[in-house]
């Protein structure tokens, strides 16, 4: 019998390697995003999570080619279906934006132009990429708004952004992003400033995109609860650098970086006794000009010790073979952490233990 051959490997939809974004300030280049790497497969949802100022939106804007600040430097590689996005001329980027890569911006009130109706703006997006008449584009707009759950879509299409609620504006923004059936959707804080009921509806809508439209989603958020409900893979950013990445289930069950563990500990428990006060991470992320020489999280970390201080930890080192004294692996397959603790076999609190990492004893 002939030997069985392995199925061919499917290339990722988006492959980002060593992405760096630096802005000029005070006569020098200041790195805002440093050496960010990740892959996003077809029909996958990847969560990009971290506190405000961690570089999430800058990463997304760099991928879209929307950073036009004078003197900005963007290096590294971002392959979208084999095509390099970094350094791609704007004319070619405009062909991709909207048709192949679309973005839901953080604030739909400011993303929409206030002097044009919602329908007119979605119509223009469609006609920019599809050979449709205005009548055909309007019919497609109304159809999309209906699919997004917008009541009375024909009437809503003739309204201006300020005439819609936050939830309806967000649905209209998603409809605009999906108007040309993009392969990649970048959603930047799509549930910000929405009440919990509307948040749940928007997240259900995003989850359905892969089955309905076959889209992959890069979901940017600071909410670990949103990540747990929505994402297949999670990438944790801190101060412009990758702190940890891996399958969402594995990362939540066994965080390998103290920052990830601290973010998880701040989520209210679904069962058991309610804590009197949720733990918080002391301090704030360092400004780009004030990053320490070693690990950027060291000033806020309760596990900090001498190994953390001389230089930043090697980025994304797998330690699948390292085990705790109990014999359990420190990190799961596909999980990587930019931290010396997993390699040293130091266990972090599991997901369900609300331990205040900001006030614990230093690691010895």
Protein backbone atom coordinates (compact mmCIF):
# COMPACT_ATOMS: atom_id res chain seq x y z
CA UNK A 1 0.00 0.00 0.00
CA UNK A 2 1.30 3.49 -0.76
CA UNK A 3 2.31 5.52 2.25
CA UNK A 4 -0.27 8.03 3.42
CA UNK A 5 0.65 11.61 2.69
CA UNK A 6 -0.11 14.42 5.08
CA UNK A 7 -2.69 16.96 3.92
CA UNK A 8 -1.17 20.15 2.52
CA UNK A 9 -0.66 22.94 5.01
CA UNK A 10 -3.03 25.83 4.54
CA UNK A 11 -1.29 29.20 4.45
CA UNK A 12 -2.63 31.70 7.03
CA UNK A 13 -4.82 34.53 5.82
CA UNK A 14 -2.64 37.09 7.62
CA UNK A 15 0.92 36.56 8.83
CA UNK A 16 2.54 39.39 10.79
CA UNK A 17 6.23 39.14 11.61
CA UNK A 18 8.33 41.55 13.68
CA UNK A 19 6.03 44.54 13.11
CA UNK A 20 7.49 47.77 14.55
CA UNK A 21 5.92 51.24 14.48
CA UNK A 22 7.96 54.26 15.63
CA UNK A 23 7.06 57.96 15.75
CA UNK A 24 9.49 60.90 15.84
CA UNK A 25 9.61 62.82 19.12
CA UNK A 26 12.20 65.10 20.70
CA UNK A 27 14.69 64.45 17.94
CA UNK A 28 14.55 60.65 18.14
CA UNK A 29 12.35 57.77 17.01
CA UNK A 30 10.11 56.40 19.76
CA UNK A 31 8.94 52.80 19.31
CA UNK A 32 5.23 52.48 20.04
CA UNK A 33 4.81 48.93 18.74
CA UNK A 34 7.82 46.60 18.95
CA UNK A 35 8.36 43.21 17.30
CA UNK A 36 4.71 42.15 17.19
CA UNK A 37 4.16 38.79 15.46
CA UNK A 38 1.05 36.66 14.98
CA UNK A 39 -0.87 34.63 12.40
CA UNK A 40 -4.58 34.63 11.63
CA UNK A 41 -6.09 31.70 9.78
CA UNK A 42 -9.13 31.51 7.52
CA UNK A 43 -12.40 31.90 9.46
CA UNK A 44 -10.51 32.41 12.73
CA UNK A 45 -11.15 35.06 15.39
CA UNK A 46 -8.04 36.45 17.09
CA UNK A 47 -8.32 38.70 20.14
CA UNK A 48 -5.81 41.52 20.56
CA UNK A 49 -6.09 42.51 24.21
CA UNK A 50 -4.39 44.90 26.61
CA UNK A 51 -4.83 48.13 28.54
CA UNK A 52 -5.29 51.47 26.82
CA UNK A 53 -1.98 52.59 25.33
CA UNK A 54 -0.68 49.07 24.76
CA UNK A 55 -0.47 49.55 20.98
CA UNK A 56 -3.57 47.62 19.85
CA UNK A 57 -5.08 50.29 17.61
CA UNK A 58 -1.67 51.39 16.28
CA UNK A 59 -1.04 47.79 15.19
CA UNK A 60 -4.38 47.67 13.35
CA UNK A 61 -3.91 51.08 11.72
CA UNK A 62 -0.44 50.05 10.53
CA UNK A 63 -1.89 46.91 8.91
CA UNK A 64 -4.54 49.01 7.17
CA UNK A 65 -2.01 51.59 5.98
CA UNK A 66 -3.90 54.36 7.77
CA UNK A 67 -0.98 55.91 9.68
CA UNK A 68 0.04 59.03 7.78
CA UNK A 69 1.92 60.94 10.49
CA UNK A 70 5.04 62.69 9.14
CA UNK A 71 8.21 60.76 9.81
CA UNK A 72 6.54 57.56 11.06
CA UNK A 73 8.58 54.39 10.49
CA UNK A 74 6.84 51.04 9.96
CA UNK A 75 9.07 48.01 9.57
CA UNK A 76 8.61 44.25 9.62
CA UNK A 77 6.29 42.17 7.49
CA UNK A 78 2.52 41.70 7.18
CA UNK A 79 1.57 39.18 4.51
CA UNK A 80 -2.09 39.14 3.53
CA UNK A 81 -2.64 36.09 1.32
CA UNK A 82 1.01 36.32 0.38
CA UNK A 83 0.91 40.05 -0.46
CA UNK A 84 3.11 42.34 1.62
CA UNK A 85 1.13 45.17 3.23
CA UNK A 86 4.05 47.03 4.82
CA UNK A 87 5.29 49.58 2.31
CA UNK A 88 2.51 48.85 -0.18
CA UNK A 89 1.63 52.01 -2.20
CA UNK A 90 -1.58 53.76 -1.15
CA UNK A 91 -3.21 53.12 -4.53
CA UNK A 92 -2.89 49.38 -4.03
CA UNK A 93 -3.93 49.61 -0.39
CA UNK A 94 -7.12 51.42 -1.40
CA UNK A 95 -8.01 48.46 -3.62
CA UNK A 96 -7.65 46.11 -0.66
CA UNK A 97 -9.36 48.29 1.95
CA UNK A 98 -13.09 47.73 1.93
CA UNK A 99 -12.98 44.87 -0.56
CA UNK A 100 -10.54 42.44 1.11
CA UNK A 101 -9.77 44.08 4.48
CA UNK A 102 -12.35 46.15 6.35
CA UNK A 103 -12.34 47.87 9.71
CA UNK A 104 -14.95 48.65 12.35
CA UNK A 105 -13.62 51.80 13.98
CA UNK A 106 -13.72 52.40 17.71
CA UNK A 107 -16.20 55.29 17.63
CA UNK A 108 -18.81 55.05 14.84
CA UNK A 109 -20.03 58.56 15.67
CA UNK A 110 -16.74 60.05 14.50
CA UNK A 111 -16.02 57.39 11.85
CA UNK A 112 -19.12 58.30 9.87
CA UNK A 113 -19.20 61.65 8.08
CA UNK A 114 -21.89 63.71 9.89
CA UNK A 115 -23.13 65.62 6.81
CA UNK A 116 -24.11 62.53 4.79
CA UNK A 117 -26.76 59.93 5.53
CA UNK A 118 -25.80 56.45 6.66
CA UNK A 119 -27.16 54.95 3.45
CA UNK A 120 -25.25 57.35 1.20
CA UNK A 121 -21.97 56.45 2.88
CA UNK A 122 -22.56 52.70 2.61
CA UNK A 123 -23.66 53.16 -1.02
CA UNK A 124 -20.39 54.91 -1.83
CA UNK A 125 -18.36 52.13 -0.21
CA UNK A 126 -20.14 49.56 -2.38
CA UNK A 127 -19.85 51.54 -5.61
CA UNK A 128 -16.15 52.20 -4.99
CA UNK A 129 -15.46 48.46 -5.30
CA UNK A 130 -18.43 47.00 -7.20
CA UNK A 131 -19.82 47.86 -10.62
CA UNK A 132 -23.33 48.62 -9.41
CA UNK A 133 -25.75 51.42 -10.17
CA UNK A 134 -26.92 53.71 -7.38
CA UNK A 135 -30.24 51.86 -7.29
CA UNK A 136 -28.49 48.50 -6.97
CA UNK A 137 -26.11 49.84 -4.32
CA UNK A 138 -29.02 51.23 -2.29
CA UNK A 139 -30.82 47.88 -2.45
CA UNK A 140 -27.64 46.18 -1.19
CA UNK A 141 -27.33 48.76 1.60
CA UNK A 142 -30.89 48.16 2.81
CA UNK A 143 -30.31 44.40 2.63
CA UNK A 144 -27.13 44.67 4.72
CA UNK A 145 -28.78 46.86 7.36
CA UNK A 146 -31.60 44.32 7.62
CA UNK A 147 -29.08 41.49 8.04
CA UNK A 148 -27.43 43.44 10.86
CA UNK A 149 -30.75 43.59 12.71
CA UNK A 150 -31.49 47.27 12.02
CA UNK A 151 -35.26 47.90 12.29
CA UNK A 152 -36.91 49.60 9.29
CA UNK A 153 -33.62 49.54 7.30
CA UNK A 154 -34.91 51.56 4.33
CA UNK A 155 -35.88 54.45 6.58
CA UNK A 156 -32.71 54.15 8.69
CA UNK A 157 -30.57 54.41 5.54
CA UNK A 158 -31.89 57.94 5.02
CA UNK A 159 -30.93 59.10 8.51
CA UNK A 160 -27.79 60.93 9.60
CA UNK A 161 -25.37 59.44 12.14
CA UNK A 162 -26.49 61.73 14.97
CA UNK A 163 -30.07 60.51 14.53
CA UNK A 164 -29.15 56.92 15.46
CA UNK A 165 -28.43 55.34 18.83
CA UNK A 166 -24.96 54.01 19.61
CA UNK A 167 -26.06 50.43 18.97
CA UNK A 168 -27.61 51.28 15.59
CA UNK A 169 -24.54 53.28 14.55
CA UNK A 170 -22.36 50.29 15.43
CA UNK A 171 -24.59 47.96 13.38
CA UNK A 172 -24.45 50.41 10.47
CA UNK A 173 -20.65 50.50 10.77
CA UNK A 174 -20.54 46.68 10.64
CA UNK A 175 -22.85 46.73 7.62
CA UNK A 176 -20.52 49.17 5.88
CA UNK A 177 -17.49 47.02 6.71
CA UNK A 178 -19.19 43.90 5.33
CA UNK A 179 -20.60 45.57 2.23
CA UNK A 180 -18.02 43.96 -0.09
CA UNK A 181 -17.70 40.64 1.79
CA UNK A 182 -14.12 41.19 3.05
CA UNK A 183 -11.93 38.24 3.97
CA UNK A 184 -10.53 40.05 7.03
CA UNK A 185 -12.50 42.23 9.42
CA UNK A 186 -10.63 44.32 12.00
CA UNK A 187 -12.97 45.28 14.85
CA UNK A 188 -11.48 47.99 17.09
CA UNK A 189 -13.33 48.03 20.44
CA UNK A 190 -16.71 47.34 18.77
CA UNK A 191 -18.59 47.23 22.09
CA UNK A 192 -17.18 50.39 23.70
CA UNK A 193 -19.81 52.70 25.28
CA UNK A 194 -22.65 50.25 24.56
CA UNK A 195 -24.95 48.81 27.22
CA UNK A 196 -24.56 45.13 28.06
CA UNK A 197 -27.58 44.00 26.03
CA UNK A 198 -26.36 45.72 22.88
CA UNK A 199 -22.82 44.47 23.56
CA UNK A 200 -24.08 40.88 23.59
CA UNK A 201 -25.94 41.44 20.31
CA UNK A 202 -22.87 42.93 18.63
CA UNK A 203 -20.67 40.03 19.81
CA UNK A 204 -23.23 37.51 18.53
CA UNK A 205 -23.13 39.34 15.21
CA UNK A 206 -19.31 39.20 15.06
CA UNK A 207 -19.29 35.48 15.89
CA UNK A 208 -21.74 34.83 13.08
CA UNK A 209 -19.55 36.58 10.49
CA UNK A 210 -17.34 33.56 9.90
CA UNK A 211 -20.30 31.26 9.22
CA UNK A 212 -22.36 33.75 7.22
CA UNK A 213 -19.62 35.59 5.31
CA UNK A 214 -16.57 33.33 5.82
CA UNK A 215 -14.66 36.26 7.34
CA UNK A 216 -11.71 36.13 9.71
CA UNK A 217 -11.80 38.66 12.55
CA UNK A 218 -9.07 40.55 14.39
CA UNK A 219 -10.91 41.71 17.51
CA UNK A 220 -9.28 44.53 19.49
CA UNK A 221 -10.50 44.93 23.05
CA UNK A 222 -9.46 45.56 26.65
CA UNK A 223 -12.19 43.26 27.96
CA UNK A 224 -11.02 39.73 28.76
CA UNK A 225 -14.64 38.63 29.10
CA UNK A 226 -15.28 39.57 25.48
CA UNK A 227 -12.18 37.61 24.46
CA UNK A 228 -13.33 34.52 26.37
CA UNK A 229 -16.73 34.55 24.65
CA UNK A 230 -15.55 35.29 21.14
CA UNK A 231 -11.93 34.46 20.25
CA UNK A 232 -10.18 31.26 19.18
CA UNK A 233 -6.70 32.70 19.85
CA UNK A 234 -5.58 35.53 22.13
CA UNK A 235 -2.62 37.89 21.83
CA UNK A 236 -1.85 39.97 24.95
CA UNK A 237 -0.02 43.26 24.35
CA UNK A 238 1.72 45.29 27.03
CA UNK A 239 3.52 48.56 26.35
CA UNK A 240 3.68 47.83 22.63
CA UNK A 241 5.18 44.33 23.05
CA UNK A 242 3.65 40.86 22.98
CA UNK A 243 3.38 39.52 26.53
CA UNK A 244 1.67 36.23 25.74
CA UNK A 245 -0.19 34.43 22.98
CA UNK A 246 -1.92 31.11 22.55
CA UNK A 247 -5.27 29.32 22.24
CA UNK A 248 -7.81 31.21 24.31
CA UNK A 249 -8.86 28.22 26.41
CA UNK A 250 -5.25 27.32 27.28
CA UNK A 251 -4.28 30.92 28.02
CA UNK A 252 -7.26 31.42 30.34
CA UNK A 253 -6.71 28.10 32.14
CA UNK A 254 -2.93 28.47 32.60
CA UNK A 255 -1.66 32.04 32.05
CA UNK A 256 2.09 32.10 31.51
CA UNK A 257 2.68 35.82 32.07
CA UNK A 258 1.88 37.73 35.31
CA UNK A 259 0.20 40.47 33.28
CA UNK A 260 -2.21 37.98 31.70
CA UNK A 261 -2.91 36.45 35.11
CA UNK A 262 -3.61 39.91 36.56
CA UNK A 263 -6.04 40.75 33.75
CA UNK A 264 -7.85 37.47 34.30
CA UNK A 265 -8.01 38.01 38.06
CA UNK A 266 -9.84 41.29 37.50
CA UNK A 267 -12.83 39.53 35.91
CA UNK A 268 -15.76 39.06 38.34
CA UNK A 269 -16.33 35.34 39.07
CA UNK A 270 -19.48 33.78 37.58
CA UNK A 271 -20.04 31.50 40.56
CA UNK A 272 -18.96 31.17 44.17
CA UNK A 273 -18.71 34.02 46.69
CA UNK A 274 -18.52 37.52 45.30
CA UNK A 275 -15.31 39.31 46.30
CA UNK A 276 -15.73 42.48 48.31
CA UNK A 277 -13.37 44.22 45.90
CA UNK A 278 -11.95 43.08 42.58
CA UNK A 279 -8.15 43.02 42.41
CA UNK A 280 -6.44 45.77 40.44
CA UNK A 281 -3.00 46.07 38.89
CA UNK A 282 -1.07 48.74 40.75
CA UNK A 283 0.43 51.61 38.77
CA UNK A 284 0.13 52.26 35.06
CA UNK A 285 1.91 51.12 31.88
CA UNK A 286 5.13 53.06 31.27
CA UNK A 287 5.22 55.83 28.71
CA UNK A 288 7.21 54.86 25.59
CA UNK A 289 10.05 57.18 26.64
CA UNK A 290 10.13 55.68 30.13
CA UNK A 291 10.21 51.94 29.47
CA UNK A 292 12.61 50.17 31.84
CA UNK A 293 15.65 48.37 30.47
CA UNK A 294 14.28 44.99 31.48
CA UNK A 295 10.73 43.66 31.33
CA UNK A 296 8.29 46.53 30.82
CA UNK A 297 5.87 44.99 33.33
CA UNK A 298 8.52 44.61 36.05
CA UNK A 299 7.60 47.81 38.01
CA UNK A 300 4.03 46.50 38.46
CA UNK A 301 4.77 42.78 38.82
CA UNK A 302 4.61 40.98 42.17
CA UNK A 303 6.88 38.22 40.81
CA UNK A 304 9.74 40.52 39.77
CA UNK A 305 13.26 39.34 40.64
CA UNK A 306 16.83 39.78 39.40
CA UNK A 307 16.34 37.80 36.17
CA UNK A 308 13.69 40.30 35.00
CA UNK A 309 15.74 43.46 35.26
CA UNK A 310 18.88 43.43 33.05
CA UNK A 311 17.17 42.99 29.67
CA UNK A 312 13.72 42.24 28.25
CA UNK A 313 12.84 38.53 28.26
CA UNK A 314 13.20 36.70 24.94
CA UNK A 315 9.99 37.25 22.99
CA UNK A 316 7.55 34.34 22.79
CA UNK A 317 9.72 31.48 23.97
CA UNK A 318 7.83 28.16 24.07
CA UNK A 319 8.34 26.13 27.24
CA UNK A 320 5.97 23.24 26.52
CA UNK A 321 8.41 20.73 28.03
CA UNK A 322 8.76 22.58 31.35
CA UNK A 323 6.53 21.17 34.09
CA UNK A 324 5.35 22.26 37.49
CA UNK A 325 6.25 20.07 40.48
CA UNK A 326 2.82 18.44 40.00
CA UNK A 327 3.88 17.26 36.56
CA UNK A 328 1.47 19.50 34.64
CA UNK A 329 2.99 21.47 31.73
CA UNK A 330 3.64 25.15 32.44
CA UNK A 331 2.31 26.21 29.05
CA UNK A 332 0.10 24.32 26.65
CA UNK A 333 1.02 23.51 23.01
CA UNK A 334 0.83 26.68 20.95
CA UNK A 335 1.09 28.93 24.01
CA UNK A 336 4.04 31.31 24.33
CA UNK A 337 4.95 33.87 27.00
CA UNK A 338 7.60 36.60 27.03
CA UNK A 339 8.50 35.89 30.64
CA UNK A 340 11.23 34.06 32.55
CA UNK A 341 8.77 32.51 35.04
CA UNK A 342 7.52 29.58 32.92
CA UNK A 343 11.08 28.54 32.12
CA UNK A 344 11.83 28.64 35.85
CA UNK A 345 8.77 26.51 36.62
CA UNK A 346 7.07 29.19 38.70
CA UNK A 347 3.30 28.56 38.79
CA UNK A 348 0.90 31.47 38.39
CA UNK A 349 -2.57 31.55 39.96
CA UNK A 350 -5.09 29.61 37.85
CA UNK A 351 -7.88 31.44 36.07
CA UNK A 352 -10.57 30.96 38.73
CA UNK A 353 -8.55 32.23 41.68
CA UNK A 354 -8.98 35.97 42.20
CA UNK A 355 -5.52 36.65 43.58
CA UNK A 356 -4.41 40.27 43.84
CA UNK A 357 -1.15 40.08 41.90
CA UNK A 358 -0.44 43.73 42.59
CA UNK A 359 0.07 43.14 46.30
CA UNK A 360 1.63 39.68 46.48
CA UNK A 361 5.05 38.81 47.75
CA UNK A 362 7.96 39.20 45.30
CA UNK A 363 9.14 35.99 43.67
CA UNK A 364 12.29 34.63 45.23
